[in-house]
Amino acid sequence: MHTGNHYKILEFLYWTRRDLYRLFVFAAVPTILYQVFDLKFLAIPWVPVALIGTAGAFMIGFKNTQSYNRLWEARQIWGGIVNTSREFALMLRDFSGADQEALKTAYYRHIAWLTALRYQLREPKPWENSSKSYNKEYRKYFTVPEWEGRLDSALEPYLSKAELQDVLKRKSKASYILALQSAWLKTQHEKGAMDVYKLIELENRIGLLLDHQGKSERIKNFPYPRQYASINLYFVWLLVILLPFGMLNEFQKISDCYVWLTIPFSMIVSWVFTSMEKIGEASENPFEGSANDIPMASISRNIEIELRDLLNEKDIPEPIAPVNKIIL
């Protein structure tokens, strides 16, 4: 997530510079052939180009709206995780009848669930865009915490050795950690530390956490439909290729020397379309490890700070600070 007022124009140009190189070639070649080699038949009427541009604009608008909806839904889910974690922590403290050490174990187990979930959501998928060259090179401006270390090392401070070994053997580690929490609550009830009504309320909070986890997994494991992404990409690049051919006659109507303006103006218009396509692409997978992702590590750290503060611990970690105005 970018925490600044906006991306700097130089950052944006750097991110899209490969497109600008292509756009220059697509604009320069027909212009040179038309003006230098007198191949006037290359010019095409403006109307079909405008129609394709209109269709492309509708498709880009549709894609960007749906991509933003996926991003915003993911942020709402993690906002729900924050609220449910707070409720669960307070209920554990006041309902479970656990001593300080047992309460610490339960709180740390919840932090382990957050850790396992965010590591799970950062696993690359074939349809994601984080491996594309322009995204990989931009990662020099920030780090993805889940890619900086191993899951077992990240879980080690929060689980006992026996629990850690058990969790690491499971396919769905986050789900299993919640199962451990549920089993612990059942044990507390059987020991008489809480009545059945308090048990039900706490189990309901575990159900909500599982619901948040499932919603996150749905966004992670189901991509923006490939047919829409594909046709949007084809429309944009069809427009980019045809645009200079349509502009040749329009500038020729003004003057012969104005024909050369086809190159910069075609590049500007095409850059707008290709950049909007890239923006939609950068938002459609909110857990892939891009600069525009949901800041799961930061949210998890803030929850950890609150839980450890409830335990009256002194050695509490600091919130994660943005790196070059980007925080994940």
Protein backbone atom coordinates (compact mmCIF):
# COMPACT_ATOMS: atom_id res chain seq x y z
CA MET A 1 0.00 0.00 0.00
CA HIS A 2 1.34 3.42 -0.94
CA THR A 3 1.13 5.78 2.04
CA GLY A 4 2.05 9.00 0.23
CA ASN A 5 -0.19 11.59 -1.37
CA HIS A 6 0.45 10.12 -4.82
CA TYR A 7 3.04 8.32 -6.90
CA LYS A 8 5.62 10.68 -8.37
CA ILE A 9 5.42 11.09 -12.13
CA LEU A 10 9.01 9.83 -12.48
CA GLU A 11 8.07 6.64 -10.62
CA PHE A 12 5.11 6.16 -12.92
CA LEU A 13 7.17 6.81 -16.05
CA TYR A 14 9.84 4.39 -14.82
CA TRP A 15 7.18 1.72 -14.20
CA THR A 16 5.68 2.18 -17.70
CA ARG A 17 8.83 3.01 -19.64
CA ARG A 18 8.84 -0.27 -21.58
CA ASP A 19 5.39 0.58 -22.91
CA LEU A 20 6.64 4.04 -23.89
CA TYR A 21 9.42 2.47 -25.96
CA ARG A 22 6.89 0.31 -27.80
CA LEU A 23 4.51 3.23 -28.25
CA PHE A 24 7.26 5.29 -29.83
CA VAL A 25 7.99 2.54 -32.35
CA PHE A 26 4.29 2.01 -33.13
CA ALA A 27 3.86 5.75 -33.71
CA ALA A 28 7.13 6.48 -35.51
CA VAL A 29 7.11 3.69 -38.10
CA PRO A 30 3.80 4.58 -39.85
CA THR A 31 4.57 8.31 -39.60
CA ILE A 32 7.96 7.90 -41.28
CA LEU A 33 6.51 5.62 -43.96
CA TYR A 34 3.71 8.11 -44.60
CA GLN A 35 5.78 11.29 -44.63
CA VAL A 36 9.23 10.25 -45.82
CA PHE A 37 8.38 7.41 -48.19
CA ASP A 38 5.08 8.98 -49.33
CA LEU A 39 2.98 5.88 -48.54
CA LYS A 40 -0.23 7.87 -48.22
CA PHE A 41 -2.44 4.78 -48.38
CA LEU A 42 -1.37 3.96 -44.81
CA ALA A 43 -3.71 6.62 -43.42
CA ILE A 44 -7.10 5.27 -42.35
CA PRO A 45 -10.33 7.11 -41.47
CA TRP A 46 -10.61 8.33 -37.90
CA VAL A 47 -14.10 6.90 -37.26
CA PRO A 48 -13.18 3.18 -36.86
CA VAL A 49 -10.25 4.12 -34.63
CA ALA A 50 -12.55 6.23 -32.48
CA LEU A 51 -15.06 3.36 -32.23
CA ILE A 52 -12.35 0.94 -31.09
CA GLY A 53 -11.14 3.56 -28.60
CA THR A 54 -14.66 3.94 -27.21
CA ALA A 55 -15.02 0.17 -26.81
CA GLY A 56 -11.58 -0.03 -25.20
CA ALA A 57 -12.46 2.77 -22.77
CA PHE A 58 -15.62 0.92 -21.68
CA MET A 59 -13.66 -2.29 -21.18
CA ILE A 60 -10.91 -0.54 -19.19
CA GLY A 61 -13.53 1.19 -17.04
CA PHE A 62 -15.25 -2.13 -16.35
CA LYS A 63 -12.00 -3.90 -15.49
CA ASN A 64 -10.70 -1.14 -13.24
CA THR A 65 -14.00 -0.98 -11.38
CA GLN A 66 -13.99 -4.72 -10.76
CA SER A 67 -10.29 -4.72 -9.83
CA TYR A 68 -10.86 -1.95 -7.32
CA ASN A 69 -13.83 -3.87 -5.89
CA ARG A 70 -11.57 -6.89 -5.33
CA LEU A 71 -8.97 -4.69 -3.63
CA TRP A 72 -11.52 -2.92 -1.45
CA GLU A 73 -13.24 -6.18 -0.47
CA ALA A 74 -9.87 -7.57 0.62
CA ARG A 75 -9.28 -4.47 2.74
CA GLN A 76 -12.74 -4.83 4.30
CA ILE A 77 -11.98 -8.47 5.12
CA TRP A 78 -8.77 -7.52 6.91
CA GLY A 79 -10.60 -4.73 8.69
CA GLY A 80 -12.99 -7.43 9.90
CA ILE A 81 -10.02 -9.50 11.07
CA VAL A 82 -8.84 -6.53 13.16
CA ASN A 83 -12.24 -6.07 14.82
CA THR A 84 -12.86 -9.78 15.41
CA SER A 85 -9.35 -10.17 16.85
CA ARG A 86 -10.05 -7.42 19.36
CA GLU A 87 -13.36 -9.00 20.37
CA PHE A 88 -11.78 -12.44 20.63
CA ALA A 89 -8.89 -11.13 22.76
CA LEU A 90 -11.16 -9.34 25.23
CA MET A 91 -13.52 -12.31 25.47
CA LEU A 92 -10.60 -14.66 26.05
CA ARG A 93 -9.39 -12.47 28.88
CA ASP A 94 -12.80 -12.05 30.52
CA PHE A 95 -14.58 -15.33 29.69
CA SER A 96 -11.99 -18.10 29.68
CA GLY A 97 -10.91 -18.07 33.31
CA ALA A 98 -7.36 -18.74 32.15
CA ASP A 99 -4.35 -17.61 34.15
CA GLN A 100 -1.85 -15.14 32.67
CA GLU A 101 0.38 -17.83 31.17
CA ALA A 102 -2.49 -19.72 29.53
CA LEU A 103 -3.91 -16.44 28.23
CA LYS A 104 -0.52 -15.56 26.75
CA THR A 105 -0.41 -18.95 24.99
CA ALA A 106 -3.85 -18.31 23.46
CA TYR A 107 -2.95 -14.77 22.40
CA TYR A 108 0.31 -15.91 20.83
CA ARG A 109 -1.53 -18.70 19.06
CA HIS A 110 -3.79 -16.06 17.51
CA ILE A 111 -0.74 -14.10 16.32
CA ALA A 112 0.53 -17.36 14.81
CA TRP A 113 -2.78 -17.68 12.93
CA LEU A 114 -2.34 -14.19 11.49
CA THR A 115 1.20 -15.08 10.46
CA ALA A 116 0.23 -18.38 8.82
CA LEU A 117 -2.65 -16.72 6.97
CA ARG A 118 -0.61 -13.90 5.49
CA TYR A 119 2.15 -16.29 4.41
CA GLN A 120 -0.49 -18.47 2.77
CA LEU A 121 -2.01 -15.51 0.93
CA ARG A 122 1.39 -14.38 -0.38
CA GLU A 123 2.07 -17.67 -2.17
CA PRO A 124 2.40 -16.92 -5.93
CA LYS A 125 -0.34 -18.00 -8.33
CA PRO A 126 0.09 -18.52 -12.11
CA TRP A 127 -2.27 -15.67 -13.02
CA GLU A 128 -0.66 -13.08 -10.75
CA ASN A 129 1.54 -10.29 -12.07
CA SER A 130 4.26 -9.95 -9.44
CA SER A 131 6.73 -11.93 -11.59
CA LYS A 132 6.42 -9.57 -14.57
CA SER A 133 9.60 -7.62 -15.27
CA TYR A 134 8.21 -4.14 -14.58
CA ASN A 135 6.84 -5.30 -11.20
CA LYS A 136 9.96 -7.25 -10.21
CA GLU A 137 12.28 -4.32 -10.83
CA TYR A 138 9.98 -1.97 -8.88
CA ARG A 139 10.36 -4.19 -5.81
CA LYS A 140 13.75 -2.60 -5.18
CA TYR A 141 11.73 0.25 -3.60
CA PHE A 142 10.10 -1.99 -0.96
CA THR A 143 10.19 -5.44 0.63
CA VAL A 144 7.54 -8.13 0.98
CA PRO A 145 7.89 -9.38 4.59
CA GLU A 146 6.51 -12.83 3.81
CA TRP A 147 9.20 -13.34 1.17
CA GLU A 148 12.04 -12.27 3.45
CA GLY A 149 11.93 -15.28 5.76
CA ARG A 150 10.60 -18.80 6.24
CA LEU A 151 7.21 -19.58 7.74
CA ASP A 152 8.61 -21.89 10.42
CA SER A 153 10.93 -19.14 11.65
CA ALA A 154 8.07 -16.65 11.70
CA LEU A 155 5.82 -19.03 13.69
CA GLU A 156 8.49 -20.16 16.16
CA PRO A 157 8.10 -17.24 18.65
CA TYR A 158 4.36 -17.83 18.98
CA LEU A 159 3.88 -21.60 19.25
CA SER A 160 5.28 -24.30 21.48
CA LYS A 161 7.67 -26.75 19.84
CA ALA A 162 5.02 -29.48 19.80
CA GLU A 163 2.39 -27.20 18.27
CA LEU A 164 4.86 -25.82 15.74
CA GLN A 165 5.83 -29.28 14.52
CA ASP A 166 2.18 -30.28 14.34
CA VAL A 167 1.15 -27.13 12.44
CA LEU A 168 3.97 -27.38 9.90
CA LYS A 169 2.77 -30.86 8.89
CA ARG A 170 -0.68 -29.57 7.93
CA LYS A 171 -1.74 -28.45 4.48
CA SER A 172 -3.96 -25.62 5.78
CA LYS A 173 -1.82 -24.29 8.61
CA ALA A 174 -4.00 -21.29 9.40
CA SER A 175 -7.14 -23.42 9.70
CA TYR A 176 -5.36 -25.89 11.95
CA ILE A 177 -4.19 -23.15 14.32
CA LEU A 178 -7.82 -22.08 14.75
CA ALA A 179 -8.67 -25.73 15.37
CA LEU A 180 -6.09 -25.71 18.17
CA GLN A 181 -7.75 -22.61 19.63
CA SER A 182 -11.14 -24.31 19.53
CA ALA A 183 -9.76 -27.44 21.21
CA TRP A 184 -8.18 -25.28 23.93
CA LEU A 185 -11.51 -23.53 24.57
CA LYS A 186 -13.23 -26.91 24.85
CA THR A 187 -10.63 -27.96 27.43
CA GLN A 188 -11.24 -24.77 29.41
CA HIS A 189 -14.96 -25.50 29.44
CA GLU A 190 -14.45 -29.11 30.52
CA LYS A 191 -12.24 -27.89 33.37
CA GLY A 192 -15.11 -25.65 34.53
CA ALA A 193 -13.23 -22.43 33.75
CA MET A 194 -16.14 -21.14 31.63
CA ASP A 195 -19.80 -21.98 31.17
CA VAL A 196 -21.34 -23.15 27.91
CA TYR A 197 -22.69 -19.70 26.96
CA LYS A 198 -19.23 -18.13 27.13
CA LEU A 199 -17.85 -21.07 25.17
CA ILE A 200 -20.45 -20.53 22.44
CA GLU A 201 -19.60 -16.81 22.19
CA LEU A 202 -15.89 -17.55 21.86
CA GLU A 203 -16.52 -20.30 19.32
CA ASN A 204 -18.63 -17.82 17.32
CA ARG A 205 -15.59 -15.53 17.13
CA ILE A 206 -13.49 -18.41 15.83
CA GLY A 207 -16.22 -18.99 13.25
CA LEU A 208 -15.93 -15.34 12.20
CA LEU A 209 -12.16 -15.65 11.87
CA LEU A 210 -12.64 -18.73 9.69
CA ASP A 211 -15.13 -16.74 7.63
CA HIS A 212 -12.62 -13.92 7.11
CA GLN A 213 -9.98 -16.47 6.18
CA GLY A 214 -12.30 -18.13 3.65
CA LYS A 215 -13.18 -14.81 2.04
CA SER A 216 -9.49 -13.95 1.70
CA GLU A 217 -8.82 -17.36 0.16
CA ARG A 218 -11.66 -16.85 -2.31
CA ILE A 219 -10.10 -13.64 -3.63
CA LYS A 220 -6.65 -15.22 -3.65
CA ASN A 221 -7.64 -18.44 -5.40
CA PHE A 222 -10.14 -17.08 -7.94
CA PRO A 223 -8.61 -14.58 -10.39
CA TYR A 224 -10.30 -11.74 -12.20
CA PRO A 225 -11.93 -13.73 -15.06
CA ARG A 226 -9.33 -14.33 -17.74
CA GLN A 227 -11.75 -13.76 -20.64
CA TYR A 228 -12.39 -10.18 -19.52
CA ALA A 229 -8.70 -9.54 -18.80
CA SER A 230 -7.74 -10.92 -22.23
CA ILE A 231 -10.26 -8.98 -24.33
CA ASN A 232 -9.38 -5.80 -22.46
CA LEU A 233 -5.70 -6.28 -23.28
CA TYR A 234 -6.44 -7.04 -26.95
CA PHE A 235 -8.66 -3.96 -27.33
CA VAL A 236 -6.05 -1.67 -25.79
CA TRP A 237 -3.21 -2.86 -28.01
CA LEU A 238 -5.41 -2.90 -31.11
CA LEU A 239 -6.14 0.75 -30.42
CA VAL A 240 -2.44 1.48 -29.79
CA ILE A 241 -1.48 -0.02 -33.16
CA LEU A 242 -4.24 1.69 -35.18
CA LEU A 243 -4.13 5.08 -33.46
CA PRO A 244 -1.21 6.62 -35.41
CA PHE A 245 -2.72 5.46 -38.74
CA GLY A 246 -5.90 7.32 -37.83
CA MET A 247 -4.09 10.47 -36.75
CA LEU A 248 -2.05 10.87 -39.95
CA ASN A 249 -4.88 12.34 -42.00
CA GLU A 250 -6.09 14.50 -39.15
CA PHE A 251 -2.75 16.28 -38.80
CA GLN A 252 -2.28 16.33 -42.58
CA LYS A 253 -5.42 18.49 -42.80
CA ILE A 254 -3.60 21.20 -40.83
CA SER A 255 -0.24 21.13 -42.63
CA ASP A 256 2.39 18.74 -43.94
CA CYS A 257 4.78 19.60 -41.14
CA TYR A 258 2.08 18.86 -38.56
CA VAL A 259 2.06 15.20 -39.57
CA TRP A 260 5.08 14.67 -37.31
CA LEU A 261 2.88 15.56 -34.33
CA THR A 262 1.30 12.15 -34.85
CA ILE A 263 4.21 10.63 -32.95
CA PRO A 264 3.95 12.53 -29.63
CA PHE A 265 0.14 12.76 -29.61
CA SER A 266 -0.29 9.12 -30.46
CA MET A 267 2.14 8.20 -27.71
CA ILE A 268 0.30 10.36 -25.16
CA VAL A 269 -3.15 8.94 -25.94
CA SER A 270 -1.85 5.37 -26.10
CA TRP A 271 0.05 5.82 -22.84
CA VAL A 272 -3.17 6.83 -21.09
CA PHE A 273 -4.88 3.62 -22.24
CA THR A 274 -1.95 1.29 -21.53
CA SER A 275 -1.37 2.88 -18.11
CA MET A 276 -5.02 2.46 -17.14
CA GLU A 277 -4.77 -1.18 -18.21
CA LYS A 278 -1.71 -1.60 -15.98
CA ILE A 279 -3.41 0.09 -13.03
CA GLY A 280 -6.30 -2.35 -13.25
CA GLU A 281 -3.84 -5.22 -13.49
CA ALA A 282 -1.98 -3.94 -10.40
CA SER A 283 -5.19 -3.94 -8.32
CA GLU A 284 -6.86 -7.21 -9.31
CA ASN A 285 -4.75 -9.47 -7.03
CA PRO A 286 -4.58 -7.70 -3.64
CA PHE A 287 -2.38 -10.36 -1.99
CA GLU A 288 0.24 -10.93 -4.70
CA GLY A 289 3.08 -8.86 -3.21
CA SER A 290 2.85 -5.65 -5.25
CA ALA A 291 3.24 -2.07 -4.03
CA ASN A 292 -0.56 -1.68 -4.04
CA ASP A 293 -1.35 -4.76 -1.94
CA ILE A 294 -3.25 -5.01 1.32
CA PRO A 295 -0.69 -4.32 4.11
CA MET A 296 -1.22 -7.64 5.89
CA ALA A 297 2.09 -7.61 7.77
CA SER A 298 1.41 -4.10 9.07
CA ILE A 299 -2.15 -4.98 10.12
CA SER A 300 -0.94 -8.17 11.81
CA ARG A 301 1.78 -6.26 13.67
CA ASN A 302 -0.78 -3.74 14.95
CA ILE A 303 -2.98 -6.58 16.23
CA GLU A 304 0.06 -8.17 17.89
CA ILE A 305 0.88 -4.87 19.60
CA GLU A 306 -2.66 -4.63 21.00
CA LEU A 307 -2.69 -8.24 22.23
CA ARG A 308 0.70 -7.99 23.92
CA ASP A 309 -0.32 -4.68 25.46
CA LEU A 310 -3.34 -6.46 26.99
CA LEU A 311 -0.85 -8.91 28.52
CA ASN A 312 1.03 -5.93 30.02
CA GLU A 313 4.23 -6.94 28.26
CA LYS A 314 7.07 -4.44 28.15
CA ASP A 315 9.07 -5.64 25.15
CA ILE A 316 6.42 -4.85 22.52
CA PRO A 317 7.52 -4.49 18.87
CA GLU A 318 7.12 -1.21 17.03
CA PRO A 319 4.60 -0.79 14.17
CA ILE A 320 6.01 -1.54 10.74
CA ALA A 321 7.24 1.66 9.09
CA PRO A 322 6.76 2.39 5.37
CA VAL A 323 9.76 1.94 3.09
CA ASN A 324 9.80 4.60 0.34
CA LYS A 325 6.16 5.33 1.31
CA ILE A 326 5.16 1.70 0.68
CA ILE A 327 4.00 -0.56 3.51
CA LEU A 328 3.01 -4.20 3.33
